[in-house]
C-alpha atoms as a PDB file:
ATOM      1  CA  MET A   1     119.507 154.750 114.741  1.00  0.00           C
ATOM      2  CA  ASN A   2     117.095 153.400 117.262  1.00  0.00           C
ATOM      3  CA  GLU A   3     116.612 149.714 116.450  1.00  0.00           C
ATOM      4  CA  LYS A   4     113.815 147.735 118.062  1.00  0.00           C
ATOM      5  CA  TYR A   5     113.040 144.026 118.305  1.00  0.00           C
ATOM      6  CA  TYR A   6     110.154 142.521 116.367  1.00  0.00           C
ATOM      7  CA  CYS A   7     108.391 139.172 116.082  1.00  0.00           C
ATOM      8  CA  VAL A   8     107.227 138.615 112.507  1.00  0.00           C
ATOM      9  CA  ILE A   9     105.024 135.597 111.760  1.00  0.00           C
ATOM     10  CA  ALA A  10     105.306 134.522 108.123  1.00  0.00           C
ATOM     11  CA  LYS A  11     103.940 131.800 105.865  1.00  0.00           C
ATOM     12  CA  CYS A  12     106.733 129.360 105.082  1.00  0.00           C
ATOM     13  CA  GLY A  13     106.657 126.995 102.150  1.00  0.00           C
ATOM     14  CA  HIS A  14     108.048 123.843 100.586  1.00  0.00           C
ATOM     15  CA  VAL A  15     104.961 121.979 101.841  1.00  0.00           C
ATOM     16  CA  GLY A  16     102.772 122.184  98.741  1.00  0.00           C
ATOM     17  CA  LYS A  17     101.227 124.874  96.589  1.00  0.00           C
ATOM     18  CA  LYS A  18      98.194 125.516  98.801  1.00  0.00           C
ATOM     19  CA  ASN A  19      99.799 124.846 102.197  1.00  0.00           C
ATOM     20  CA  TYR A  20     102.066 126.719 104.560  1.00  0.00           C
ATOM     21  CA  ILE A  21     103.686 126.537 107.974  1.00  0.00           C
ATOM     22  CA  PRO A  22     103.530 129.667 110.154  1.00  0.00           C
ATOM     23  CA  ILE A  23     106.939 130.502 111.608  1.00  0.00           C
ATOM     24  CA  ALA A  24     107.715 133.358 114.023  1.00  0.00           C
ATOM     25  CA  PHE A  25     110.985 135.100 113.150  1.00  0.00           C
ATOM     26  CA  ALA A  26     112.914 137.405 115.474  1.00  0.00           C
ATOM     27  CA  VAL A  27     114.116 140.538 113.685  1.00  0.00           C
ATOM     28  CA  LYS A  28     116.000 143.654 114.779  1.00  0.00           C
ATOM     29  CA  SER A  29     114.888 146.651 112.712  1.00  0.00           C
ATOM     30  CA  THR A  30     114.012 150.344 112.816  1.00  0.00           C
ATOM     31  CA  SER A  31     110.292 149.922 111.984  1.00  0.00           C
ATOM     32  CA  LEU A  32     107.534 147.340 111.597  1.00  0.00           C
ATOM     33  CA  LYS A  33     107.450 147.837 107.848  1.00  0.00           C
ATOM     34  CA  GLU A  34     111.202 147.313 107.523  1.00  0.00           C
ATOM     35  CA  ALA A  35     111.015 144.164 109.688  1.00  0.00           C
ATOM     36  CA  ALA A  36     108.270 142.685 107.493  1.00  0.00           C
ATOM     37  CA  LYS A  37     110.284 143.516 104.372  1.00  0.00           C
ATOM     38  CA  LEU A  38     113.354 141.743 105.787  1.00  0.00           C
ATOM     39  CA  VAL A  39     111.436 138.592 106.737  1.00  0.00           C
ATOM     40  CA  ARG A  40     109.812 138.398 103.321  1.00  0.00           C
ATOM     41  CA  ARG A  41     113.299 137.782 101.853  1.00  0.00           C
ATOM     42  CA  PHE A  42     114.193 135.037 104.361  1.00  0.00           C
ATOM     43  CA  PRO A  43     114.646 131.468 103.059  1.00  0.00           C
ATOM     44  CA  ARG A  44     111.531 129.261 103.160  1.00  0.00           C
ATOM     45  CA  VAL A  45     109.122 132.236 103.279  1.00  0.00           C
ATOM     46  CA  LYS A  46     106.572 132.193 100.461  1.00  0.00           C
ATOM     47  CA  HIS A  47     107.971 135.114  98.463  1.00  0.00           C
ATOM     48  CA  HIS A  48     105.287 135.124  95.751  1.00  0.00           C
ATOM     49  CA  ASP A  49     102.383 135.320  98.221  1.00  0.00           C
ATOM     50  CA  LYS A  50     101.186 138.875  98.811  1.00  0.00           C
ATOM     51  CA  ASN A  51      99.831 137.757 102.207  1.00  0.00           C
ATOM     52  CA  ALA A  52     103.083 136.067 103.268  1.00  0.00           C
ATOM     53  CA  ILE A  53     103.368 138.151 106.447  1.00  0.00           C
ATOM     54  CA  ILE A  54     100.675 137.085 108.914  1.00  0.00           C
ATOM     55  CA  SER A  55     101.519 139.455 111.760  1.00  0.00           C
ATOM     56  CA  CYS A  56     104.239 141.723 113.083  1.00  0.00           C
ATOM     57  CA  LYS A  57     104.657 143.045 116.628  1.00  0.00           C
ATOM     58  CA  GLU A  58     107.292 144.659 118.809  1.00  0.00           C
ATOM     59  CA  ILE A  59     108.853 142.453 121.520  1.00  0.00           C
ATOM     60  CA  THR A  60     111.358 142.763 124.348  1.00  0.00           C
ATOM     61  CA  LEU A  61     115.013 141.698 124.229  1.00  0.00           C
ATOM     62  CA  GLU A  62     114.272 138.606 126.370  1.00  0.00           C
ATOM     63  CA  SER A  63     111.490 137.494 124.006  1.00  0.00           C
ATOM     64  CA  PHE A  64     113.770 138.187 121.052  1.00  0.00           C
ATOM     65  CA  ASN A  65     116.482 135.892 122.455  1.00  0.00           C
ATOM     66  CA  GLU A  66     113.935 133.166 123.317  1.00  0.00           C
ATOM     67  CA  LEU A  67     112.553 133.263 119.776  1.00  0.00           C
ATOM     68  CA  LEU A  68     116.056 132.980 118.315  1.00  0.00           C
ATOM     69  CA  GLU A  69     116.662 129.859 120.451  1.00  0.00           C
ATOM     70  CA  ILE A  70     113.335 128.329 119.406  1.00  0.00           C
ATOM     71  CA  ASN A  71     114.198 128.836 115.732  1.00  0.00           C
ATOM     72  CA  LYS A  72     117.681 127.350 116.235  1.00  0.00           C
ATOM     73  CA  ARG A  73     116.065 124.164 117.610  1.00  0.00           C
ATOM     74  CA  ASP A  74     113.363 123.964 114.896  1.00  0.00           C
ATOM     75  CA  PRO A  75     114.315 121.099 112.527  1.00  0.00           C
ATOM     76  CA  TYR A  76     112.041 122.443 109.751  1.00  0.00           C
ATOM     77  CA  LEU A  77     114.220 125.539 109.392  1.00  0.00           C
ATOM     78  CA  HIS A  78     117.372 123.403 109.110  1.00  0.00           C
ATOM     79  CA  CYS A  79     116.300 120.583 106.766  1.00  0.00           C
ATOM     80  CA  SER A  80     117.677 120.692 103.250  1.00  0.00           C
ATOM     81  CA  ASN A  81     115.357 118.366 101.320  1.00  0.00           C
ATOM     82  CA  ARG A  82     111.898 116.796 101.282  1.00  0.00           C
ATOM     83  CA  GLN A  83     113.105 113.488 102.751  1.00  0.00           C
ATOM     84  CA  GLU A  84     114.497 115.204 105.859  1.00  0.00           C
ATOM     85  CA  GLN A  85     111.285 117.193 106.130  1.00  0.00           C
ATOM     86  CA  LYS A  86     109.182 113.997 106.167  1.00  0.00           C
ATOM     87  CA  MET A  87     111.298 112.531 108.990  1.00  0.00           C
ATOM     88  CA  ILE A  88     110.382 115.382 111.371  1.00  0.00           C
ATOM     89  CA  SER A  89     107.990 114.053 114.006  1.00  0.00           C
ATOM     90  CA  GLY A  90     104.646 115.865 114.085  1.00  0.00           C
ATOM     91  CA  PHE A  91     105.383 117.688 110.854  1.00  0.00           C
ATOM     92  CA  GLU A  92     101.968 117.061 109.234  1.00  0.00           C
ATOM     93  CA  GLU A  93     100.194 118.673 112.200  1.00  0.00           C
ATOM     94  CA  ARG A  94     102.073 121.941 111.592  1.00  0.00           C
ATOM     95  CA  VAL A  95     100.967 122.235 107.946  1.00  0.00           C
ATOM     96  CA  ILE A  96      98.002 124.562 107.407  1.00  0.00           C
ATOM     97  CA  TYR A  97      95.783 124.701 104.320  1.00  0.00           C
ATOM     98  CA  ASP A  98      95.724 128.230 102.876  1.00  0.00           C
ATOM     99  CA  ARG A  99      92.143 129.177 101.972  1.00  0.00           C
ATOM    100  CA  ASN A 100      93.319 132.323 100.149  1.00  0.00           C
ATOM    101  CA  THR A 101      94.823 130.211  97.351  1.00  0.00           C
ATOM    102  CA  ASP A 102      91.341 129.035  96.298  1.00  0.00           C
ATOM    103  CA  GLU A 103      90.883 132.445  94.672  1.00  0.00           C
ATOM    104  CA  ILE A 104      93.780 131.863  92.259  1.00  0.00           C
ATOM    105  CA  ASP A 105      92.565 130.647  88.904  1.00  0.00           C
ATOM    106  CA  TYR A 106      94.970 127.892  87.945  1.00  0.00           C
ATOM    107  CA  GLU A 107      93.209 127.440  84.588  1.00  0.00           C
ATOM    108  CA  ILE A 108      94.647 130.766  83.428  1.00  0.00           C
ATOM    109  CA  LYS A 109      98.146 129.558  84.265  1.00  0.00           C
ATOM    110  CA  GLU A 110      97.495 126.270  82.482  1.00  0.00           C
ATOM    111  CA  SER A 111      96.210 128.003  79.343  1.00  0.00           C
ATOM    112  CA  ALA A 112      99.343 130.177  79.277  1.00  0.00           C
ATOM    113  CA  ARG A 113     101.513 127.069  79.521  1.00  0.00           C
ATOM    114  CA  ASN A 114      99.549 125.346  76.751  1.00  0.00           C
ATOM    115  CA  TYR A 115      99.978 128.411  74.545  1.00  0.00           C
ATOM    116  CA  LYS A 116     103.754 128.145  74.878  1.00  0.00           C
ATOM    117  CA  ILE A 117     103.619 124.441  73.985  1.00  0.00           C
ATOM    118  CA  ARG A 118     101.411 125.125  70.929  1.00  0.00           C
ATOM    119  CA  LYS A 119     103.756 127.890  69.827  1.00  0.00           C
ATOM    120  CA  TYR A 120     106.718 125.497  70.069  1.00  0.00           C
ATOM    121  CA  TYR A 121     104.968 122.755  68.061  1.00  0.00           C
ATOM    122  CA  ASP A 122     103.762 125.211  65.423  1.00  0.00           C
ATOM    123  CA  ARG A 123     107.330 126.396  64.964  1.00  0.00           C
ATOM    124  CA  TRP A 124     108.512 122.764  64.780  1.00  0.00           C
ATOM    125  CA  ASP A 125     105.842 122.049  62.172  1.00  0.00           C
ATOM    126  CA  SER A 126     107.102 124.915  60.007  1.00  0.00           C
ATOM    127  CA  PHE A 127     110.351 122.946  59.539  1.00  0.00           C
ATOM    128  CA  GLY A 128     108.416 120.144  57.858  1.00  0.00           C
ATOM    129  CA  ALA A 129     107.815 117.861  60.842  1.00  0.00           C
ATOM    130  CA  ASN A 130     104.359 116.573  61.576  1.00  0.00           C
ATOM    131  CA  LYS A 131     103.013 117.179  65.115  1.00  0.00           C
ATOM    132  CA  GLN A 132     101.732 113.628  65.337  1.00  0.00           C
ATOM    133  CA  SER A 133     105.094 112.162  64.318  1.00  0.00           C
ATOM    134  CA  LEU A 134     106.683 113.700  67.421  1.00  0.00           C
ATOM    135  CA  PHE A 135     104.866 111.192  69.620  1.00  0.00           C
ATOM    136  CA  ILE A 136     105.447 108.041  67.554  1.00  0.00           C
ATOM    137  CA  TYR A 137     108.316 105.898  68.768  1.00  0.00           C
ATOM    138  CA  GLU A 138     109.044 102.957  66.522  1.00  0.00           C
END
């Protein structure tokens, strides 16, 4: 197989629901499509976002090695919790607001969640408990 080197820029998360950090990943693959598919499964990439891959282009071996070194030195890719993430200098400047998330209707998600809660309480009420008595602590 003839593998080539690619630079895939993806939206990375753990910075809030409507925010992302663009990270360029170096990938060795047979095609652009396969490279994008591989990066989509990388840790920190926003897996649920259909627009998670920003761009994908073929690069040389020298650029590939440089990009690997840059990612090895990036503290964001190596932190394991939110506290470590906050200690990174200049971290807030890297965070970008994602305008595409404005299209998502969060009220639909909330109504689905409320339906599950109502269903649970209705089932609880069928056992003889009163819904209001669940919230009284005496």
